Amino acid sequence: MRVTALGTSAAYPGPDNACTGWLVEEEDTHILVDCGTGVLSRLQKVLPLKRVTAVIISHMHADHFFDLFPLRYAFKYGVGVPDPIPALYLPPGGTQVLGKMAGVLDRHRPELFFKETFHVAEYDPTEALSVGPLAVTFAPGNHYVPSWAISLGGTRRVVFTADTGPSSDVEKLAGGADLLISEATYLSVDEEQGPQRGHMTGREAGELACRADPRRVLVTHQWPHRDPRVPVAQAQEVFRGDLALAEPMRTYEV
């Protein structure tokens, strides 16, 4: 299994980076996990677009799905729609969000905006998906909108926390993963702007790793205006295993 970090920025893309997007590859299956701002241009550097098998979106925040729109235009007006047509798996309620946005861009046929280029479906987070040789399962995160951690299991298993505060459900999903890709957005819990938790600190990412005991951890989803090494150092203070900063455009063999 190969995993490529297409983008690791939180909220907005940093210089020479993009928002969240990861390419997971096993055999001839190529899955894009999240498709945030700037991901499409970077995806084209590592994979011909017509080889995309499926796209899975963790939650409906812009930095995790906005580049679905230029990807749609690439398929419709550029490289052509792949054969077989790729699947677009959205979280519950995701079709309504995309439908409203598509209605602004295409007032005449908004219902076809994405259906011309994708098999669009909302996943049931309580059920597993099969995408090629990979089994995809989910766990609810702790975020400002419903967000789902994603596990993809084949010859190895990789788990994405997506955006989440501390969550026992995400911890359970991550248990024993070969690779845990964990968000670590904040330096302190005091940065939360309301009573609800929506992100983890570096230390909390380390604590999650301690409890889940994965073979390897990559820390991601940092603000571009900050030194990303700081939350990594926080995580390393509590987790003594294999933990490093996710490097944009690096491919990891799992």
Protein backbone atom coordinates (compact mmCIF):
# COMPACT_ATOMS: atom_id res chain seq x y z
CA MET A 1 0.00 0.00 0.00
CA ARG A 2 1.23 3.48 -0.92
CA VAL A 3 0.02 6.70 0.69
CA THR A 4 0.88 10.14 -0.73
CA ALA A 5 0.40 13.38 1.19
CA LEU A 6 -1.03 15.73 -1.44
CA GLY A 7 -1.87 18.47 1.05
CA THR A 8 -1.44 18.92 4.79
CA SER A 9 -2.53 22.51 5.52
CA ALA A 10 -5.42 23.42 7.80
CA ALA A 11 -8.12 25.84 6.58
CA TYR A 12 -6.10 27.42 3.75
CA PRO A 13 -3.20 26.16 1.64
CA GLY A 14 0.25 27.24 2.67
CA PRO A 15 3.07 28.11 0.27
CA ASP A 16 3.97 25.03 -1.77
CA ASN A 17 1.21 23.08 -0.04
CA ALA A 18 -2.51 22.36 -0.31
CA CYS A 19 -5.32 21.69 2.10
CA THR A 20 -6.16 18.14 3.09
CA GLY A 21 -5.85 15.45 0.45
CA TRP A 22 -4.28 11.98 0.52
CA LEU A 23 -3.86 9.41 -2.24
CA VAL A 24 -4.10 5.78 -1.15
CA GLU A 25 -3.05 3.14 -3.67
CA GLU A 26 -3.27 -0.63 -3.58
CA GLU A 27 -2.81 -2.68 -6.77
CA ASP A 28 -4.82 -0.81 -9.47
CA THR A 29 -7.05 1.01 -6.99
CA HIS A 30 -6.38 4.72 -6.46
CA ILE A 31 -8.46 6.41 -3.78
CA LEU A 32 -8.42 10.11 -3.03
CA VAL A 33 -9.23 10.72 0.63
CA ASP A 34 -10.47 14.31 0.94
CA CYS A 35 -10.00 16.87 -1.80
CA GLY A 36 -9.36 20.26 -0.25
CA THR A 37 -8.22 23.50 -1.81
CA GLY A 38 -5.16 23.04 -4.03
CA VAL A 39 -5.20 19.24 -4.03
CA LEU A 40 -6.07 18.79 -7.71
CA SER A 41 -2.93 20.43 -9.11
CA ARG A 42 -0.77 18.27 -6.86
CA LEU A 43 -2.67 15.07 -7.63
CA GLN A 44 -1.80 15.49 -11.30
CA LYS A 45 1.90 15.35 -10.44
CA VAL A 46 1.62 11.79 -9.14
CA LEU A 47 -1.35 10.21 -10.92
CA PRO A 48 -3.13 10.66 -14.26
CA LEU A 49 -6.60 11.90 -13.35
CA LYS A 50 -8.33 9.22 -15.36
CA ARG A 51 -6.87 6.60 -13.03
CA VAL A 52 -8.80 7.88 -9.99
CA THR A 53 -10.94 5.00 -8.72
CA ALA A 54 -12.87 6.78 -5.97
CA VAL A 55 -12.98 9.86 -3.80
CA ILE A 56 -14.00 9.66 -0.14
CA ILE A 57 -14.83 12.85 1.76
CA SER A 58 -14.55 12.91 5.55
CA HIS A 59 -16.71 15.98 6.16
CA MET A 60 -18.17 18.99 4.45
CA HIS A 61 -15.72 21.72 5.31
CA ALA A 62 -14.12 23.63 2.44
CA ASP A 63 -10.55 22.59 3.16
CA HIS A 64 -11.61 18.97 2.73
CA PHE A 65 -13.82 19.05 -0.38
CA PHE A 66 -13.53 22.31 -2.39
CA ASP A 67 -11.35 20.85 -5.15
CA LEU A 68 -14.14 18.45 -6.08
CA PHE A 69 -15.36 21.29 -8.29
CA PRO A 70 -12.24 21.69 -10.44
CA LEU A 71 -11.89 17.90 -10.50
CA ARG A 72 -15.39 17.73 -11.98
CA TYR A 73 -14.44 20.32 -14.60
CA ALA A 74 -11.26 18.37 -15.40
CA PHE A 75 -13.30 15.24 -16.10
CA LYS A 76 -16.03 17.01 -18.08
CA TYR A 77 -13.98 19.42 -20.17
CA GLY A 78 -10.40 18.22 -19.93
CA VAL A 79 -9.16 14.66 -19.64
CA GLY A 80 -12.59 13.05 -20.00
CA VAL A 81 -14.59 10.95 -17.60
CA PRO A 82 -12.67 7.86 -16.48
CA ASP A 83 -13.94 4.43 -17.49
CA PRO A 84 -15.15 3.03 -15.19
CA ILE A 85 -16.62 6.23 -13.82
CA PRO A 86 -15.14 7.01 -10.37
CA ALA A 87 -17.22 6.80 -7.22
CA LEU A 88 -17.69 9.88 -5.04
CA TYR A 89 -18.51 8.85 -1.48
CA LEU A 90 -19.87 11.71 0.60
CA PRO A 91 -20.71 11.80 4.31
CA PRO A 92 -24.38 11.87 5.32
CA GLY A 93 -25.86 15.19 4.18
CA GLY A 94 -23.04 15.80 1.72
CA THR A 95 -25.19 15.60 -1.39
CA GLN A 96 -27.35 18.44 -0.13
CA VAL A 97 -24.30 20.64 0.46
CA LEU A 98 -22.86 19.95 -3.00
CA GLY A 99 -26.32 20.35 -4.56
CA LYS A 100 -26.71 23.86 -3.17
CA MET A 101 -23.30 24.88 -4.46
CA ALA A 102 -23.91 23.27 -7.84
CA GLY A 103 -27.16 25.20 -8.09
CA VAL A 104 -25.17 28.44 -8.08
CA LEU A 105 -22.84 27.24 -10.83
CA ASP A 106 -25.45 25.53 -13.00
CA ARG A 107 -28.99 26.83 -12.50
CA HIS A 108 -30.45 24.68 -15.25
CA ARG A 109 -29.24 21.19 -14.31
CA PRO A 110 -27.75 21.27 -10.83
CA GLU A 111 -28.85 17.71 -10.15
CA LEU A 112 -26.52 16.50 -12.93
CA PHE A 113 -23.54 18.65 -12.04
CA PHE A 114 -21.59 15.87 -10.33
CA LYS A 115 -23.56 12.89 -11.59
CA GLU A 116 -22.16 13.38 -15.09
CA THR A 117 -18.65 12.69 -13.84
CA PHE A 118 -19.05 10.57 -10.69
CA HIS A 119 -21.18 7.82 -9.23
CA VAL A 120 -22.34 9.90 -6.26
CA ALA A 121 -23.41 8.22 -3.04
CA GLU A 122 -23.55 9.02 0.65
CA TYR A 123 -21.82 6.38 2.72
CA ASP A 124 -23.44 4.86 5.78
CA PRO A 125 -20.80 5.31 8.50
CA THR A 126 -22.09 2.22 10.29
CA GLU A 127 -21.39 0.01 7.27
CA ALA A 128 -18.16 -0.96 5.54
CA LEU A 129 -17.42 -0.07 1.93
CA SER A 130 -15.46 -2.20 -0.50
CA VAL A 131 -13.36 -0.24 -2.98
CA GLY A 132 -11.25 -2.59 -5.04
CA PRO A 133 -9.20 -4.68 -2.59
CA LEU A 134 -9.70 -2.18 0.24
CA ALA A 135 -12.23 -2.34 3.06
CA VAL A 136 -13.28 1.14 4.18
CA THR A 137 -14.77 1.71 7.63
CA PHE A 138 -15.64 4.82 9.60
CA ALA A 139 -15.88 6.25 13.10
CA PRO A 140 -17.50 9.51 14.24
CA GLY A 141 -15.10 12.29 15.12
CA ASN A 142 -15.63 15.21 17.46
CA HIS A 143 -15.94 18.28 15.24
CA TYR A 144 -18.05 21.36 14.55
CA VAL A 145 -19.91 19.53 11.77
CA PRO A 146 -20.28 15.75 11.47
CA SER A 147 -16.84 14.40 10.57
CA TRP A 148 -15.77 10.82 10.08
CA ALA A 149 -12.43 9.16 10.66
CA ILE A 150 -11.65 6.73 7.85
CA SER A 151 -9.87 3.38 7.88
CA LEU A 152 -8.69 1.72 4.67
CA GLY A 153 -7.54 -1.86 5.04
CA GLY A 154 -5.88 -4.09 2.47
CA THR A 155 -2.43 -5.66 2.75
CA ARG A 156 -1.91 -2.96 5.39
CA ARG A 157 -4.27 -0.61 7.19
CA VAL A 158 -4.13 3.18 7.26
CA VAL A 159 -6.40 5.35 9.42
CA PHE A 160 -7.14 9.06 8.92
CA THR A 161 -8.51 10.87 11.94
CA ALA A 162 -9.86 13.67 9.71
CA ASP A 163 -10.78 16.75 11.79
CA THR A 164 -11.57 15.80 15.35
CA GLY A 165 -11.08 16.64 18.96
CA PRO A 166 -10.26 13.77 21.31
CA SER A 167 -12.60 10.89 20.50
CA SER A 168 -12.83 7.38 21.93
CA ASP A 169 -14.49 6.23 18.69
CA VAL A 170 -11.58 7.48 16.58
CA GLU A 171 -9.17 5.90 19.05
CA LYS A 172 -10.90 2.54 18.65
CA LEU A 173 -10.80 2.76 14.85
CA ALA A 174 -7.10 3.63 14.95
CA GLY A 175 -6.19 0.72 17.20
CA GLY A 176 -3.31 -1.29 15.78
CA ALA A 177 -3.18 0.59 12.47
CA ASP A 178 -0.07 0.22 10.35
CA LEU A 179 -0.21 3.96 9.72
CA LEU A 180 -2.17 6.55 11.68
CA ILE A 181 -2.51 9.96 10.03
CA SER A 182 -3.53 12.24 12.85
CA GLU A 183 -4.55 15.84 12.87
CA ALA A 184 -2.79 18.16 15.33
CA THR A 185 -4.14 21.62 14.62
CA TYR A 186 -3.77 23.42 17.92
CA LEU A 187 -0.94 24.10 20.31
CA SER A 188 -3.28 24.50 23.29
CA VAL A 189 -6.88 23.61 24.09
CA ASP A 190 -7.37 27.31 24.88
CA GLU A 191 -7.39 27.97 21.14
CA GLU A 192 -10.85 26.46 20.79
CA GLN A 193 -13.25 29.35 20.25
CA GLY A 194 -16.28 27.74 21.84
CA PRO A 195 -17.28 24.99 24.26
CA GLN A 196 -17.16 22.23 21.64
CA ARG A 197 -13.89 20.51 20.81
CA GLY A 198 -13.15 20.23 17.12
CA HIS A 199 -9.40 19.70 16.86
CA MET A 200 -6.55 18.13 18.77
CA THR A 201 -3.33 19.62 20.07
CA GLY A 202 -0.03 17.98 19.29
CA ARG A 203 0.02 16.51 22.77
CA GLU A 204 -3.46 15.04 22.31
CA ALA A 205 -2.35 13.50 19.02
CA GLY A 206 0.50 11.87 20.93
CA GLU A 207 -1.89 10.64 23.59
CA LEU A 208 -4.12 9.15 20.91
CA ALA A 209 -1.11 7.35 19.47
CA CYS A 210 -0.20 5.98 22.89
CA ARG A 211 -3.65 4.47 23.32
CA ALA A 212 -4.14 3.25 19.74
CA ASP A 213 -0.59 1.85 19.43
CA PRO A 214 -0.14 2.13 15.65
CA ARG A 215 3.08 1.05 13.98
CA ARG A 216 3.68 4.53 12.58
CA VAL A 217 2.16 8.02 13.00
CA LEU A 218 2.13 11.03 10.69
CA VAL A 219 1.00 14.34 12.15
CA THR A 220 -0.86 16.70 9.81
CA HIS A 221 -3.39 19.56 9.48
CA GLN A 222 -1.34 22.51 10.72
CA TRP A 223 -1.93 26.22 10.20
CA PRO A 224 0.34 27.47 7.40
CA HIS A 225 1.43 30.50 9.41
CA ARG A 226 2.90 28.32 12.15
CA ASP A 227 5.96 26.15 12.50
CA PRO A 228 4.52 22.62 12.04
CA ARG A 229 7.39 21.14 14.03
CA VAL A 230 5.91 22.50 17.27
CA PRO A 231 2.84 20.20 17.47
CA VAL A 232 5.04 17.33 16.33
CA ALA A 233 7.39 17.99 19.23
CA GLN A 234 4.39 18.09 21.57
CA ALA A 235 3.25 14.69 20.29
CA GLN A 236 6.73 13.22 20.61
CA GLU A 237 6.87 14.22 24.28
CA VAL A 238 4.20 11.63 25.06
CA PHE A 239 4.54 9.07 22.25
CA ARG A 240 7.96 7.50 21.93
CA GLY A 241 7.21 5.44 18.86
CA ASP A 242 7.64 6.18 15.15
CA LEU A 243 6.03 9.62 14.79
CA ALA A 244 6.89 12.35 12.28
CA LEU A 245 5.50 15.34 10.46
CA ALA A 246 3.59 14.51 7.27
CA GLU A 247 5.62 15.96 4.39
CA PRO A 248 3.66 17.40 1.44
CA MET A 249 4.11 15.42 -1.77
CA ARG A 250 5.93 12.58 -0.06
CA THR A 251 4.84 9.01 -0.74
CA TYR A 252 4.92 6.59 2.17
CA GLU A 253 5.14 2.84 1.75
CA VAL A 254 2.92 1.27 4.41
